[in-house]
Amino acid sequence: MQDNAPNFHRTITMDTPVRVAVVVPCYNEATTIAKVVTDFRAALPDATVHVFDNASTDLTAATAEAAGARVTRVPMKGKGNVVRAMFREVDADILLMVDGDDTYPAAHARELLAPVIAGSADMVVGTRLEQHHDGAFRRFHGFGNRLVRGVITRLFGYGISDALSGYRAFNRRFVRSMPVLSQGFEIETEMTVFALANGMTVREIPVPYGARPVGSHSKLHTFRDGYRVLRTIAFLYKDYRPLRFFGWLALLCLLGGMAAGSIVIGEFATTGKVTHPSTAVLAAALVLSALLSVATGLILDTVNRRSQELMRLLADQVVHAIRK
């Protein structure tokens, strides 16, 4: 990354006027939001800082405005809803997303932006696992992050060290082509899977991750939001890899049907009778379910390929419009 940082500096200050927006999703972060806005305005003086206040009940919005940020209020709660509003309402060439809890360093903002500016990445993720404060992760959060990383790698075949980081940079192609479906904290997982599944270039840059200041509290619920993240991965796997998803389901049904059918066949071969008709019906139903699953997977895989082709055509049009 050392080679890219000087290129970014030349690009941002000289030939090409690149519009960078810092977008900050936050909920009840009055304790930290002023420092976050001030730090990023100092680190990126040519960028605009947008704070998206997600129905806070404290003075988050007023504090952010006083610090010099443009504040947009998002009444529907959930980080995914905030990201949807950010992608829809902010017009910039590059978006730098950072949480409003003052745990991500503004000093590394240029490093995250550099590959996007250079055109070598569609999304850059600031990974936290290599450098973090002892109290930065709550109990089980480190394990949960590793679990999510392992599941994504196993299902999609791509490795990423921190799928849940909230410190990311995106180019316009990513922002305009991603349909934000998540509503809560599973949005980072959706971003990661969307980029990897659609052949976009993702880069990771280690950044130090700090503990929350005194008076600031995490809104993440370990088990509830962890379940939502894993559920989101399962649904995204079905959406992006339908043939594999329904293929595994078909295999399970086929194995169950064969197991139940072997009992009936063995009994008939021995006695010449079928005394367990319910087992025979179960075996037939499982085999039929396997066939239906295969057919469903094939149909959805064809539809998915066509939709991906359409998405890439639209994304290429966005890139072409940017260059013009």
C-alpha atoms as a PDB file:
ATOM      1  CA  MET A   1       0.000   0.000   0.000  1.00  0.00           C
ATOM      2  CA  GLN A   2       2.946   2.354   0.391  1.00  0.00           C
ATOM      3  CA  ASP A   3       3.203   2.659  -3.387  1.00  0.00           C
ATOM      4  CA  ASN A   4      -0.434   3.686  -3.806  1.00  0.00           C
ATOM      5  CA  ALA A   5      -0.624   6.401  -1.152  1.00  0.00           C
ATOM      6  CA  PRO A   6       1.537   8.964  -3.030  1.00  0.00           C
ATOM      7  CA  ASN A   7      -0.498   8.327  -6.209  1.00  0.00           C
ATOM      8  CA  PHE A   8      -3.667   9.085  -4.307  1.00  0.00           C
ATOM      9  CA  HIS A   9      -2.204  12.337  -3.011  1.00  0.00           C
ATOM     10  CA  ARG A  10      -1.295  13.488  -6.505  1.00  0.00           C
ATOM     11  CA  THR A  11      -4.714  12.514  -7.845  1.00  0.00           C
ATOM     12  CA  ILE A  12      -6.687  14.231  -5.145  1.00  0.00           C
ATOM     13  CA  THR A  13      -4.755  17.470  -5.274  1.00  0.00           C
ATOM     14  CA  MET A  14      -3.741  17.965  -8.876  1.00  0.00           C
ATOM     15  CA  ASP A  15      -5.055  16.787 -12.228  1.00  0.00           C
ATOM     16  CA  THR A  16      -8.343  14.952 -11.681  1.00  0.00           C
ATOM     17  CA  PRO A  17     -10.999  16.441  -9.372  1.00  0.00           C
ATOM     18  CA  VAL A  18     -12.131  13.330  -7.508  1.00  0.00           C
ATOM     19  CA  ARG A  19     -15.166  13.847  -5.304  1.00  0.00           C
ATOM     20  CA  VAL A  20     -14.794  11.951  -2.045  1.00  0.00           C
ATOM     21  CA  ALA A  21     -17.550  11.702   0.551  1.00  0.00           C
ATOM     22  CA  VAL A  22     -17.084  10.366   4.061  1.00  0.00           C
ATOM     23  CA  VAL A  23     -20.349   8.732   5.152  1.00  0.00           C
ATOM     24  CA  VAL A  24     -20.934   8.014   8.816  1.00  0.00           C
ATOM     25  CA  PRO A  25     -23.878   5.837   9.909  1.00  0.00           C
ATOM     26  CA  CYS A  26     -24.637   6.373  13.582  1.00  0.00           C
ATOM     27  CA  TYR A  27     -27.204   5.884  16.313  1.00  0.00           C
ATOM     28  CA  ASN A  28     -26.857   7.638  19.675  1.00  0.00           C
ATOM     29  CA  GLU A  29     -23.193   8.565  19.216  1.00  0.00           C
ATOM     30  CA  ALA A  30     -23.290  12.092  20.680  1.00  0.00           C
ATOM     31  CA  THR A  31     -20.263  11.236  22.823  1.00  0.00           C
ATOM     32  CA  THR A  32     -17.978  10.490  19.868  1.00  0.00           C
ATOM     33  CA  ILE A  33     -19.446  11.925  16.671  1.00  0.00           C
ATOM     34  CA  ALA A  34     -17.844  15.389  16.963  1.00  0.00           C
ATOM     35  CA  LYS A  35     -14.364  13.870  17.155  1.00  0.00           C
ATOM     36  CA  VAL A  36     -15.061  11.538  14.233  1.00  0.00           C
ATOM     37  CA  VAL A  37     -16.239  14.420  12.043  1.00  0.00           C
ATOM     38  CA  THR A  38     -13.341  16.653  13.075  1.00  0.00           C
ATOM     39  CA  ASP A  39     -10.721  13.936  12.529  1.00  0.00           C
ATOM     40  CA  PHE A  40     -11.948  13.018   9.043  1.00  0.00           C
ATOM     41  CA  ARG A  41     -12.342  16.633   7.971  1.00  0.00           C
ATOM     42  CA  ALA A  42      -8.733  17.166   8.980  1.00  0.00           C
ATOM     43  CA  ALA A  43      -7.509  13.968   7.289  1.00  0.00           C
ATOM     44  CA  LEU A  44      -9.470  14.648   4.074  1.00  0.00           C
ATOM     45  CA  PRO A  45      -9.962  18.422   3.803  1.00  0.00           C
ATOM     46  CA  ASP A  46     -11.318  18.189   0.238  1.00  0.00           C
ATOM     47  CA  ALA A  47     -13.956  15.595   1.161  1.00  0.00           C
ATOM     48  CA  THR A  48     -17.465  16.223   2.432  1.00  0.00           C
ATOM     49  CA  VAL A  49     -18.522  14.498   5.642  1.00  0.00           C
ATOM     50  CA  HIS A  50     -22.095  13.182   5.776  1.00  0.00           C
ATOM     51  CA  VAL A  51     -23.552  11.908   9.029  1.00  0.00           C
ATOM     52  CA  PHE A  52     -26.621   9.695   8.692  1.00  0.00           C
ATOM     53  CA  ASP A  53     -28.469   9.826  11.982  1.00  0.00           C
ATOM     54  CA  ASN A  54     -30.536   6.690  12.471  1.00  0.00           C
ATOM     55  CA  ALA A  55     -33.344   8.029  14.712  1.00  0.00           C
ATOM     56  CA  SER A  56     -31.020   8.884  17.591  1.00  0.00           C
ATOM     57  CA  THR A  57     -32.605   9.915  20.866  1.00  0.00           C
ATOM     58  CA  ASP A  58     -29.623  11.976  22.015  1.00  0.00           C
ATOM     59  CA  LEU A  59     -27.866  15.027  20.512  1.00  0.00           C
ATOM     60  CA  THR A  60     -26.027  13.129  17.788  1.00  0.00           C
ATOM     61  CA  ALA A  61     -27.475  15.157  14.901  1.00  0.00           C
ATOM     62  CA  ALA A  62     -26.941  18.565  16.497  1.00  0.00           C
ATOM     63  CA  THR A  63     -23.412  17.655  17.591  1.00  0.00           C
ATOM     64  CA  ALA A  64     -22.502  16.456  14.095  1.00  0.00           C
ATOM     65  CA  GLU A  65     -23.861  19.642  12.494  1.00  0.00           C
ATOM     66  CA  ALA A  66     -21.922  21.776  14.949  1.00  0.00           C
ATOM     67  CA  ALA A  67     -18.761  19.876  14.023  1.00  0.00           C
ATOM     68  CA  GLY A  68     -19.261  20.690  10.320  1.00  0.00           C
ATOM     69  CA  ALA A  69     -20.973  17.585   8.946  1.00  0.00           C
ATOM     70  CA  ARG A  70     -23.969  17.405   6.640  1.00  0.00           C
ATOM     71  CA  VAL A  71     -26.635  15.531   8.554  1.00  0.00           C
ATOM     72  CA  THR A  72     -29.287  13.323   7.002  1.00  0.00           C
ATOM     73  CA  ARG A  73     -31.910  11.741   9.223  1.00  0.00           C
ATOM     74  CA  VAL A  74     -32.960   8.155   8.507  1.00  0.00           C
ATOM     75  CA  PRO A  75     -36.101   7.341  10.532  1.00  0.00           C
ATOM     76  CA  MET A  76     -36.228   3.605   9.766  1.00  0.00           C
ATOM     77  CA  LYS A  77     -33.898   1.915  12.254  1.00  0.00           C
ATOM     78  CA  GLY A  78     -31.163  -0.477  11.153  1.00  0.00           C
ATOM     79  CA  LYS A  79     -27.704  -0.007   9.709  1.00  0.00           C
ATOM     80  CA  GLY A  80     -28.741  -1.595   6.417  1.00  0.00           C
ATOM     81  CA  ASN A  81     -31.458   1.031   6.018  1.00  0.00           C
ATOM     82  CA  VAL A  82     -28.863   3.733   6.651  1.00  0.00           C
ATOM     83  CA  VAL A  83     -26.488   2.318   4.042  1.00  0.00           C
ATOM     84  CA  ARG A  84     -29.336   2.189   1.532  1.00  0.00           C
ATOM     85  CA  ALA A  85     -29.961   5.895   2.166  1.00  0.00           C
ATOM     86  CA  MET A  86     -26.245   6.688   1.862  1.00  0.00           C
ATOM     87  CA  PHE A  87     -25.895   4.899  -1.468  1.00  0.00           C
ATOM     88  CA  ARG A  88     -29.036   6.568  -2.796  1.00  0.00           C
ATOM     89  CA  GLU A  89     -28.531  10.143  -1.626  1.00  0.00           C
ATOM     90  CA  VAL A  90     -24.792  10.883  -1.655  1.00  0.00           C
ATOM     91  CA  ASP A  91     -23.411  11.856  -5.063  1.00  0.00           C
ATOM     92  CA  ALA A  92     -19.645  11.310  -5.106  1.00  0.00           C
ATOM     93  CA  ASP A  93     -17.014   9.401  -7.057  1.00  0.00           C
ATOM     94  CA  ILE A  94     -15.844   7.542  -3.958  1.00  0.00           C
ATOM     95  CA  LEU A  95     -17.534   6.824  -0.636  1.00  0.00           C
ATOM     96  CA  LEU A  96     -15.572   6.180   2.527  1.00  0.00           C
ATOM     97  CA  MET A  97     -17.791   4.586   5.163  1.00  0.00           C
ATOM     98  CA  VAL A  98     -16.799   4.676   8.826  1.00  0.00           C
ATOM     99  CA  ASP A  99     -18.702   4.070  12.055  1.00  0.00           C
ATOM    100  CA  GLY A 100     -19.398   7.003  14.322  1.00  0.00           C
ATOM    101  CA  ASP A 101     -18.000   5.402  17.491  1.00  0.00           C
ATOM    102  CA  ASP A 102     -14.407   6.660  17.096  1.00  0.00           C
ATOM    103  CA  THR A 103     -12.873   3.178  16.863  1.00  0.00           C
ATOM    104  CA  TYR A 104     -11.450   3.549  13.336  1.00  0.00           C
ATOM    105  CA  PRO A 105      -8.490   5.885  12.716  1.00  0.00           C
ATOM    106  CA  ALA A 106      -8.931   8.784  10.313  1.00  0.00           C
ATOM    107  CA  ALA A 107      -5.159   8.726   9.764  1.00  0.00           C
ATOM    108  CA  HIS A 108      -5.575   5.626   7.579  1.00  0.00           C
ATOM    109  CA  ALA A 109      -8.300   7.108   5.370  1.00  0.00           C
ATOM    110  CA  ARG A 110      -5.943   7.875   2.486  1.00  0.00           C
ATOM    111  CA  GLU A 111      -4.616   4.323   2.529  1.00  0.00           C
ATOM    112  CA  LEU A 112      -8.124   2.941   2.092  1.00  0.00           C
ATOM    113  CA  LEU A 113      -8.951   5.403  -0.667  1.00  0.00           C
ATOM    114  CA  ALA A 114      -5.733   4.903  -2.634  1.00  0.00           C
ATOM    115  CA  PRO A 115      -6.586   1.608  -4.418  1.00  0.00           C
ATOM    116  CA  VAL A 116     -10.047   2.891  -5.341  1.00  0.00           C
ATOM    117  CA  ILE A 117      -8.615   6.137  -6.694  1.00  0.00           C
ATOM    118  CA  ALA A 118      -6.030   4.170  -8.660  1.00  0.00           C
ATOM    119  CA  GLY A 119      -8.742   1.950 -10.162  1.00  0.00           C
ATOM    120  CA  SER A 120      -7.259  -1.239  -8.716  1.00  0.00           C
ATOM    121  CA  ALA A 121     -10.174  -2.002  -6.370  1.00  0.00           C
ATOM    122  CA  ASP A 122     -13.945  -1.636  -6.282  1.00  0.00           C
ATOM    123  CA  MET A 123     -14.047  -1.972  -2.505  1.00  0.00           C
ATOM    124  CA  VAL A 124     -11.328  -1.659   0.123  1.00  0.00           C
ATOM    125  CA  VAL A 125     -11.876  -3.067   3.612  1.00  0.00           C
ATOM    126  CA  GLY A 126     -10.029  -1.853   6.690  1.00  0.00           C
ATOM    127  CA  THR A 127      -9.327  -5.090   8.547  1.00  0.00           C
ATOM    128  CA  ARG A 128      -9.199  -4.935  12.332  1.00  0.00           C
ATOM    129  CA  LEU A 129      -8.001  -8.347  13.435  1.00  0.00           C
ATOM    130  CA  GLU A 130      -4.251  -7.763  13.123  1.00  0.00           C
ATOM    131  CA  GLN A 131      -4.125  -4.587  15.222  1.00  0.00           C
ATOM    132  CA  HIS A 132      -6.728  -3.962  17.878  1.00  0.00           C
ATOM    133  CA  HIS A 133      -7.021  -2.685  21.403  1.00  0.00           C
ATOM    134  CA  ASP A 134      -7.396  -5.330  24.108  1.00  0.00           C
ATOM    135  CA  GLY A 135     -10.910  -4.164  24.894  1.00  0.00           C
ATOM    136  CA  ALA A 136     -11.986  -3.420  21.320  1.00  0.00           C
ATOM    137  CA  PHE A 137     -13.868  -6.683  20.779  1.00  0.00           C
ATOM    138  CA  ARG A 138     -16.574  -7.800  23.168  1.00  0.00           C
ATOM    139  CA  ARG A 139     -16.746 -11.384  24.318  1.00  0.00           C
ATOM    140  CA  PHE A 140     -17.404 -13.833  21.450  1.00  0.00           C
ATOM    141  CA  HIS A 141     -17.090 -11.084  18.792  1.00  0.00           C
ATOM    142  CA  GLY A 142     -13.653 -12.287  17.699  1.00  0.00           C
ATOM    143  CA  PHE A 143     -14.920 -15.861  17.480  1.00  0.00           C
ATOM    144  CA  GLY A 144     -17.997 -14.693  15.587  1.00  0.00           C
ATOM    145  CA  ASN A 145     -15.891 -12.818  13.057  1.00  0.00           C
ATOM    146  CA  ARG A 146     -13.721 -15.875  12.447  1.00  0.00           C
ATOM    147  CA  LEU A 147     -16.840 -18.045  12.106  1.00  0.00           C
ATOM    148  CA  VAL A 148     -18.359 -15.712   9.508  1.00  0.00           C
ATOM    149  CA  ARG A 149     -15.063 -15.543   7.627  1.00  0.00           C
ATOM    150  CA  GLY A 150     -14.812 -19.345   7.571  1.00  0.00           C
ATOM    151  CA  VAL A 151     -18.395 -19.810   6.383  1.00  0.00           C
ATOM    152  CA  ILE A 152     -17.971 -17.270   3.558  1.00  0.00           C
ATOM    153  CA  THR A 153     -14.702 -18.859   2.475  1.00  0.00           C
ATOM    154  CA  ARG A 154     -16.206 -22.351   2.555  1.00  0.00           C
ATOM    155  CA  LEU A 155     -19.400 -21.466   0.682  1.00  0.00           C
ATOM    156  CA  PHE A 156     -18.156 -18.933  -1.846  1.00  0.00           C
ATOM    157  CA  GLY A 157     -14.529 -20.004  -2.245  1.00  0.00           C
ATOM    158  CA  TYR A 158     -13.135 -16.549  -1.477  1.00  0.00           C
ATOM    159  CA  GLY A 159     -11.040 -15.619   1.517  1.00  0.00           C
ATOM    160  CA  ILE A 160     -11.426 -12.332   3.394  1.00  0.00           C
ATOM    161  CA  SER A 161      -9.982 -11.736   6.825  1.00  0.00           C
ATOM    162  CA  ASP A 162     -12.582  -9.319   8.235  1.00  0.00           C
ATOM    163  CA  ALA A 163     -16.032  -9.590   6.686  1.00  0.00           C
ATOM    164  CA  LEU A 164     -17.673  -7.442   9.384  1.00  0.00           C
ATOM    165  CA  SER A 165     -15.500  -4.336   9.301  1.00  0.00           C
ATOM    166  CA  GLY A 166     -17.368  -1.029   9.149  1.00  0.00           C
ATOM    167  CA  TYR A 167     -14.428   0.893   7.642  1.00  0.00           C
ATOM    168  CA  ARG A 168     -14.684   0.632   3.849  1.00  0.00           C
ATOM    169  CA  ALA A 169     -14.130   2.584   0.647  1.00  0.00           C
ATOM    170  CA  PHE A 170     -16.299   2.077  -2.469  1.00  0.00           C
ATOM    171  CA  ASN A 171     -16.184   3.327  -6.023  1.00  0.00           C
ATOM    172  CA  ARG A 172     -19.263   4.559  -7.864  1.00  0.00           C
ATOM    173  CA  ARG A 173     -19.622   1.261  -9.748  1.00  0.00           C
ATOM    174  CA  PHE A 174     -20.065  -0.626  -6.488  1.00  0.00           C
ATOM    175  CA  VAL A 175     -22.407   1.936  -4.958  1.00  0.00           C
ATOM    176  CA  ARG A 176     -24.687   2.189  -7.975  1.00  0.00           C
ATOM    177  CA  SER A 177     -24.899  -1.537  -8.687  1.00  0.00           C
ATOM    178  CA  MET A 178     -25.415  -2.997  -5.217  1.00  0.00           C
ATOM    179  CA  PRO A 179     -29.045  -3.631  -4.224  1.00  0.00           C
ATOM    180  CA  VAL A 180     -28.996  -3.174  -0.448  1.00  0.00           C
ATOM    181  CA  LEU A 181     -31.346  -5.817   0.956  1.00  0.00           C
ATOM    182  CA  SER A 182     -30.248  -6.078   4.584  1.00  0.00           C
ATOM    183  CA  GLN A 183     -31.770  -3.939   7.300  1.00  0.00           C
ATOM    184  CA  GLY A 184     -29.374  -4.351  10.227  1.00  0.00           C
ATOM    185  CA  PHE A 185     -25.767  -5.110  11.101  1.00  0.00           C
ATOM    186  CA  GLU A 186     -25.634  -7.898   8.517  1.00  0.00           C
ATOM    187  CA  ILE A 187     -25.070  -5.225   5.858  1.00  0.00           C
ATOM    188  CA  GLU A 188     -21.275  -5.607   5.961  1.00  0.00           C
ATOM    189  CA  THR A 189     -21.656  -9.311   5.210  1.00  0.00           C
ATOM    190  CA  GLU A 190     -23.952  -8.528   2.295  1.00  0.00           C
ATOM    191  CA  MET A 191     -21.445  -6.016   0.899  1.00  0.00           C
ATOM    192  CA  THR A 192     -18.635  -8.548   1.113  1.00  0.00           C
ATOM    193  CA  VAL A 193     -20.574 -11.384  -0.517  1.00  0.00           C
ATOM    194  CA  PHE A 194     -22.009  -9.111  -3.223  1.00  0.00           C
ATOM    195  CA  ALA A 195     -18.556  -7.892  -4.236  1.00  0.00           C
ATOM    196  CA  LEU A 196     -16.961 -11.348  -4.222  1.00  0.00           C
ATOM    197  CA  ALA A 197     -19.845 -13.123  -5.948  1.00  0.00           C
ATOM    198  CA  ASN A 198     -20.007 -10.543  -8.738  1.00  0.00           C
ATOM    199  CA  GLY A 199     -16.325 -10.582  -9.584  1.00  0.00           C
ATOM    200  CA  MET A 200     -15.497  -7.184  -8.140  1.00  0.00           C
ATOM    201  CA  THR A 201     -12.010  -6.470  -6.873  1.00  0.00           C
ATOM    202  CA  VAL A 202     -11.732  -6.360  -3.092  1.00  0.00           C
ATOM    203  CA  ARG A 203      -8.598  -5.331  -1.246  1.00  0.00           C
ATOM    204  CA  GLU A 204      -7.858  -5.360   2.453  1.00  0.00           C
ATOM    205  CA  ILE A 205      -5.689  -2.965   4.426  1.00  0.00           C
ATOM    206  CA  PRO A 206      -4.899  -3.586   8.111  1.00  0.00           C
ATOM    207  CA  VAL A 207      -5.901  -0.693  10.351  1.00  0.00           C
ATOM    208  CA  PRO A 208      -5.667  -0.355  14.136  1.00  0.00           C
ATOM    209  CA  TYR A 209      -9.011  -0.826  15.858  1.00  0.00           C
ATOM    210  CA  GLY A 210      -9.564   1.021  19.109  1.00  0.00           C
ATOM    211  CA  ALA A 211     -11.813   0.521  22.089  1.00  0.00           C
ATOM    212  CA  ARG A 212     -14.898   2.667  22.485  1.00  0.00           C
ATOM    213  CA  PRO A 213     -14.378   5.778  24.610  1.00  0.00           C
ATOM    214  CA  VAL A 214     -15.976   5.977  28.048  1.00  0.00           C
ATOM    215  CA  GLY A 215     -19.687   6.687  27.723  1.00  0.00           C
ATOM    216  CA  SER A 216     -20.008   5.067  24.299  1.00  0.00           C
ATOM    217  CA  HIS A 217     -21.788   1.737  24.048  1.00  0.00           C
ATOM    218  CA  SER A 218     -22.028  -0.844  21.264  1.00  0.00           C
ATOM    219  CA  LYS A 219     -25.463  -1.403  19.706  1.00  0.00           C
ATOM    220  CA  LEU A 220     -24.501  -4.864  18.441  1.00  0.00           C
ATOM    221  CA  HIS A 221     -26.267  -7.799  20.090  1.00  0.00           C
ATOM    222  CA  THR A 222     -23.858 -10.722  19.976  1.00  0.00           C
ATOM    223  CA  PHE A 223     -26.205 -13.666  19.499  1.00  0.00           C
ATOM    224  CA  ARG A 224     -29.200 -11.989  17.846  1.00  0.00           C
ATOM    225  CA  ASP A 225     -27.131 -10.129  15.258  1.00  0.00           C
ATOM    226  CA  GLY A 226     -24.784 -13.095  14.875  1.00  0.00           C
ATOM    227  CA  TYR A 227     -27.770 -15.255  13.953  1.00  0.00           C
ATOM    228  CA  ARG A 228     -28.914 -12.622  11.451  1.00  0.00           C
ATOM    229  CA  VAL A 229     -25.479 -12.529   9.837  1.00  0.00           C
ATOM    230  CA  LEU A 230     -25.363 -16.312   9.417  1.00  0.00           C
ATOM    231  CA  ARG A 231     -28.935 -16.325   8.111  1.00  0.00           C
ATOM    232  CA  THR A 232     -27.996 -13.627   5.613  1.00  0.00           C
ATOM    233  CA  ILE A 233     -25.056 -15.712   4.395  1.00  0.00           C
ATOM    234  CA  ALA A 234     -27.377 -18.686   3.870  1.00  0.00           C
ATOM    235  CA  PHE A 235     -29.876 -16.619   1.870  1.00  0.00           C
ATOM    236  CA  LEU A 236     -27.112 -14.998  -0.177  1.00  0.00           C
ATOM    237  CA  TYR A 237     -25.662 -18.429  -0.911  1.00  0.00           C
ATOM    238  CA  LYS A 238     -29.087 -19.495  -2.197  1.00  0.00           C
ATOM    239  CA  ASP A 239     -29.343 -16.337  -4.305  1.00  0.00           C
ATOM    240  CA  TYR A 240     -25.816 -16.308  -5.748  1.00  0.00           C
ATOM    241  CA  ARG A 241     -25.124 -20.061  -5.896  1.00  0.00           C
ATOM    242  CA  PRO A 242     -28.590 -21.598  -6.433  1.00  0.00           C
ATOM    243  CA  LEU A 243     -27.366 -24.717  -8.232  1.00  0.00           C
ATOM    244  CA  ARG A 244     -24.998 -25.596  -5.398  1.00  0.00           C
ATOM    245  CA  PHE A 245     -27.566 -24.762  -2.709  1.00  0.00           C
ATOM    246  CA  PHE A 246     -30.334 -26.854  -4.221  1.00  0.00           C
ATOM    247  CA  GLY A 247     -27.814 -29.467  -5.323  1.00  0.00           C
ATOM    248  CA  TRP A 248     -26.814 -30.092  -1.695  1.00  0.00           C
ATOM    249  CA  LEU A 249     -30.484 -30.154  -0.726  1.00  0.00           C
ATOM    250  CA  ALA A 250     -31.159 -32.675  -3.491  1.00  0.00           C
ATOM    251  CA  LEU A 251     -28.294 -34.854  -2.325  1.00  0.00           C
ATOM    252  CA  LEU A 252     -29.627 -34.909   1.242  1.00  0.00           C
ATOM    253  CA  CYS A 253     -33.112 -35.790   0.009  1.00  0.00           C
ATOM    254  CA  LEU A 254     -31.744 -38.485  -2.277  1.00  0.00           C
ATOM    255  CA  LEU A 255     -29.684 -40.064   0.500  1.00  0.00           C
ATOM    256  CA  GLY A 256     -32.707 -40.028   2.821  1.00  0.00           C
ATOM    257  CA  GLY A 257     -34.890 -41.536   0.101  1.00  0.00           C
ATOM    258  CA  MET A 258     -32.347 -44.272  -0.587  1.00  0.00           C
ATOM    259  CA  ALA A 259     -32.065 -45.064   3.116  1.00  0.00           C
ATOM    260  CA  ALA A 260     -35.835 -45.331   3.530  1.00  0.00           C
ATOM    261  CA  GLY A 261     -36.207 -47.188   0.223  1.00  0.00           C
ATOM    262  CA  SER A 262     -33.564 -49.731   1.153  1.00  0.00           C
ATOM    263  CA  ILE A 263     -35.660 -50.753   4.144  1.00  0.00           C
ATOM    264  CA  VAL A 264     -38.711 -51.319   1.972  1.00  0.00           C
ATOM    265  CA  ILE A 265     -36.767 -53.103  -0.776  1.00  0.00           C
ATOM    266  CA  GLY A 266     -34.962 -55.324   1.742  1.00  0.00           C
ATOM    267  CA  GLU A 267     -38.245 -56.243   3.393  1.00  0.00           C
ATOM    268  CA  PHE A 268     -39.907 -57.044   0.058  1.00  0.00           C
ATOM    269  CA  ALA A 269     -36.919 -59.146  -1.061  1.00  0.00           C
ATOM    270  CA  THR A 270     -37.093 -61.156   2.161  1.00  0.00           C
ATOM    271  CA  THR A 271     -40.820 -61.568   2.724  1.00  0.00           C
ATOM    272  CA  GLY A 272     -42.383 -60.615  -0.607  1.00  0.00           C
ATOM    273  CA  LYS A 273     -44.530 -58.070   1.218  1.00  0.00           C
ATOM    274  CA  VAL A 274     -44.443 -54.387   2.083  1.00  0.00           C
ATOM    275  CA  THR A 275     -45.586 -54.025   5.674  1.00  0.00           C
ATOM    276  CA  HIS A 276     -44.409 -50.414   6.096  1.00  0.00           C
ATOM    277  CA  PRO A 277     -46.226 -48.425   3.393  1.00  0.00           C
ATOM    278  CA  SER A 278     -45.507 -45.148   5.153  1.00  0.00           C
ATOM    279  CA  THR A 279     -41.779 -45.795   4.744  1.00  0.00           C
ATOM    280  CA  ALA A 280     -42.297 -46.473   1.051  1.00  0.00           C
ATOM    281  CA  VAL A 281     -44.239 -43.218   0.660  1.00  0.00           C
ATOM    282  CA  LEU A 282     -41.500 -41.327   2.513  1.00  0.00           C
ATOM    283  CA  ALA A 283     -38.830 -42.802   0.249  1.00  0.00           C
ATOM    284  CA  ALA A 284     -40.755 -41.847  -2.900  1.00  0.00           C
ATOM    285  CA  ALA A 285     -41.424 -38.330  -1.561  1.00  0.00           C
ATOM    286  CA  LEU A 286     -37.742 -37.768  -0.754  1.00  0.00           C
ATOM    287  CA  VAL A 287     -36.598 -38.924  -4.187  1.00  0.00           C
ATOM    288  CA  LEU A 288     -39.174 -36.681  -5.878  1.00  0.00           C
ATOM    289  CA  SER A 289     -38.024 -33.783  -3.679  1.00  0.00           C
ATOM    290  CA  ALA A 290     -34.460 -34.439  -4.835  1.00  0.00           C
ATOM    291  CA  LEU A 291     -35.523 -34.255  -8.476  1.00  0.00           C
ATOM    292  CA  LEU A 292     -37.498 -31.063  -7.853  1.00  0.00           C
ATOM    293  CA  SER A 293     -34.520 -29.507  -6.054  1.00  0.00           C
ATOM    294  CA  VAL A 294     -32.217 -30.238  -8.970  1.00  0.00           C
ATOM    295  CA  ALA A 295     -34.724 -28.759 -11.425  1.00  0.00           C
ATOM    296  CA  THR A 296     -35.175 -25.676  -9.223  1.00  0.00           C
ATOM    297  CA  GLY A 297     -31.427 -25.199  -8.959  1.00  0.00           C
ATOM    298  CA  LEU A 298     -30.957 -25.433 -12.724  1.00  0.00           C
ATOM    299  CA  ILE A 299     -33.723 -22.923 -13.435  1.00  0.00           C
ATOM    300  CA  LEU A 300     -32.570 -20.437 -10.800  1.00  0.00           C
ATOM    301  CA  ASP A 301     -28.956 -20.790 -11.886  1.00  0.00           C
ATOM    302  CA  THR A 302     -29.945 -19.796 -15.437  1.00  0.00           C
ATOM    303  CA  VAL A 303     -31.966 -16.843 -14.149  1.00  0.00           C
ATOM    304  CA  ASN A 304     -29.102 -15.836 -11.866  1.00  0.00           C
ATOM    305  CA  ARG A 305     -26.582 -15.874 -14.707  1.00  0.00           C
ATOM    306  CA  ARG A 306     -28.820 -13.668 -16.845  1.00  0.00           C
ATOM    307  CA  SER A 307     -29.365 -11.215 -13.986  1.00  0.00           C
ATOM    308  CA  GLN A 308     -25.613 -11.059 -13.321  1.00  0.00           C
ATOM    309  CA  GLU A 309     -24.977 -10.315 -16.975  1.00  0.00           C
ATOM    310  CA  LEU A 310     -27.538  -7.503 -16.814  1.00  0.00           C
ATOM    311  CA  MET A 311     -25.994  -6.158 -13.604  1.00  0.00           C
ATOM    312  CA  ARG A 312     -22.524  -6.109 -15.146  1.00  0.00           C
ATOM    313  CA  LEU A 313     -23.819  -4.330 -18.241  1.00  0.00           C
ATOM    314  CA  LEU A 314     -25.426  -1.686 -16.051  1.00  0.00           C
ATOM    315  CA  ALA A 315     -22.259  -1.376 -13.953  1.00  0.00           C
ATOM    316  CA  ASP A 316     -20.169  -0.952 -17.112  1.00  0.00           C
ATOM    317  CA  GLN A 317     -22.526   1.808 -18.236  1.00  0.00           C
ATOM    318  CA  VAL A 318     -21.968   3.547 -14.899  1.00  0.00           C
ATOM    319  CA  VAL A 319     -18.204   3.327 -15.374  1.00  0.00           C
ATOM    320  CA  HIS A 320     -18.520   4.630 -18.937  1.00  0.00           C
ATOM    321  CA  ALA A 321     -20.642   7.553 -17.742  1.00  0.00           C
ATOM    322  CA  ILE A 322     -18.027   8.362 -15.086  1.00  0.00           C
ATOM    323  CA  ARG A 323     -15.205   8.435 -17.653  1.00  0.00           C
ATOM    324  CA  LYS A 324     -17.213  10.726 -19.936  1.00  0.00           C
END
